[in-house]
């Protein structure tokens, strides 16, 4: 069975292109994936997505509590850096 050399060349080029694309995707997911997943986890945490969705009071209670905690942390860090509040 004779194979077309042009077909073999095109198949080899296609394999190389797929390998290059796969490598590029792996590199981008390794560098940006960690940062993106950390941001997503933080957003989910402050949005209260770990609370039962059918209990709206629980969701809003978690959101408010976590935002107040973040504000208090920022206040403490500013106080630590400047000694301005306490």
Protein backbone atom coordinates (compact mmCIF):
# COMPACT_ATOMS: atom_id res chain seq x y z
CA UNK A 1 0.00 0.00 0.00
CA UNK A 2 1.57 3.27 -1.12
CA UNK A 3 1.10 6.27 1.11
CA UNK A 4 0.99 9.79 -0.13
CA UNK A 5 4.08 11.65 1.20
CA UNK A 6 2.08 14.88 1.21
CA UNK A 7 -0.49 13.23 3.48
CA UNK A 8 2.23 12.07 5.86
CA UNK A 9 3.71 15.57 5.99
CA UNK A 10 0.32 17.13 6.73
CA UNK A 11 -0.36 14.56 9.46
CA UNK A 12 3.02 15.26 11.04
CA UNK A 13 2.38 19.03 10.91
CA UNK A 14 -1.02 18.54 12.51
CA UNK A 15 0.50 16.46 15.33
CA UNK A 16 3.13 19.14 15.95
CA UNK A 17 0.50 21.86 16.05
CA UNK A 18 -1.60 19.89 18.53
CA UNK A 19 1.43 19.21 20.72
CA UNK A 20 2.37 22.89 20.70
CA UNK A 21 -1.17 23.90 21.61
CA UNK A 22 -1.35 21.32 24.40
CA UNK A 23 1.97 22.54 25.81
CA UNK A 24 0.81 26.15 25.69
CA UNK A 25 -2.43 25.27 27.50
CA UNK A 26 -0.52 23.39 30.19
CA UNK A 27 1.83 26.31 30.72
CA UNK A 28 -0.99 28.84 30.98
CA UNK A 29 -3.03 26.70 33.34
CA UNK A 30 -0.01 26.06 35.57
CA UNK A 31 0.82 29.74 36.01
CA UNK A 32 -2.60 31.38 35.98
CA UNK A 33 -4.69 28.50 37.26
CA UNK A 34 -3.49 28.74 40.85
CA UNK A 35 -4.13 32.48 41.05
CA UNK A 36 -7.50 32.20 39.34
CA UNK A 37 -8.66 29.37 41.58
CA UNK A 38 -7.58 31.30 44.70
CA UNK A 39 -9.54 34.33 43.54
CA UNK A 40 -12.56 32.16 42.79
CA UNK A 41 -12.40 30.48 46.21
CA UNK A 42 -12.18 33.90 47.89
CA UNK A 43 -15.12 35.22 45.90
CA UNK A 44 -17.15 32.11 46.75
CA UNK A 45 -16.24 32.49 50.43
CA UNK A 46 -17.31 36.13 50.69
CA UNK A 47 -20.44 35.51 48.62
CA UNK A 48 -21.57 32.86 51.11
CA UNK A 49 -21.89 30.12 48.53
CA UNK A 50 -21.10 27.46 51.12
CA UNK A 51 -24.43 28.17 52.87
CA UNK A 52 -27.62 26.37 51.87
CA UNK A 53 -29.05 28.29 48.90
CA UNK A 54 -32.65 27.91 50.04
CA UNK A 55 -31.91 29.72 53.36
CA UNK A 56 -31.45 33.32 52.24
CA UNK A 57 -31.04 34.63 55.81
CA UNK A 58 -28.12 32.25 56.34
CA UNK A 59 -26.49 33.36 53.07
CA UNK A 60 -26.81 37.07 53.86
CA UNK A 61 -25.71 36.51 57.46
CA UNK A 62 -22.52 34.85 56.25
CA UNK A 63 -21.90 37.61 53.71
CA UNK A 64 -22.34 40.38 56.27
CA UNK A 65 -20.29 38.58 58.90
CA UNK A 66 -17.42 37.89 56.54
CA UNK A 67 -17.36 41.47 55.22
CA UNK A 68 -17.36 42.83 58.79
CA UNK A 69 -14.52 40.45 59.63
CA UNK A 70 -12.55 41.68 56.61
CA UNK A 71 -13.17 45.32 57.61
CA UNK A 72 -11.97 44.57 61.14
CA UNK A 73 -8.85 42.84 59.79
CA UNK A 74 -8.05 45.88 57.64
CA UNK A 75 -8.59 48.15 60.67
CA UNK A 76 -6.22 46.04 62.75
CA UNK A 77 -3.57 46.02 60.01
CA UNK A 78 -3.77 49.80 59.65
CA UNK A 79 -3.47 50.14 63.42
CA UNK A 80 -0.47 47.82 63.45
CA UNK A 81 1.26 49.78 60.70
CA UNK A 82 0.50 53.30 61.98
CA UNK A 83 -0.60 53.06 65.62
CA UNK A 84 -3.35 55.51 64.67
CA UNK A 85 -6.53 53.98 66.17
CA UNK A 86 -5.57 52.24 69.42
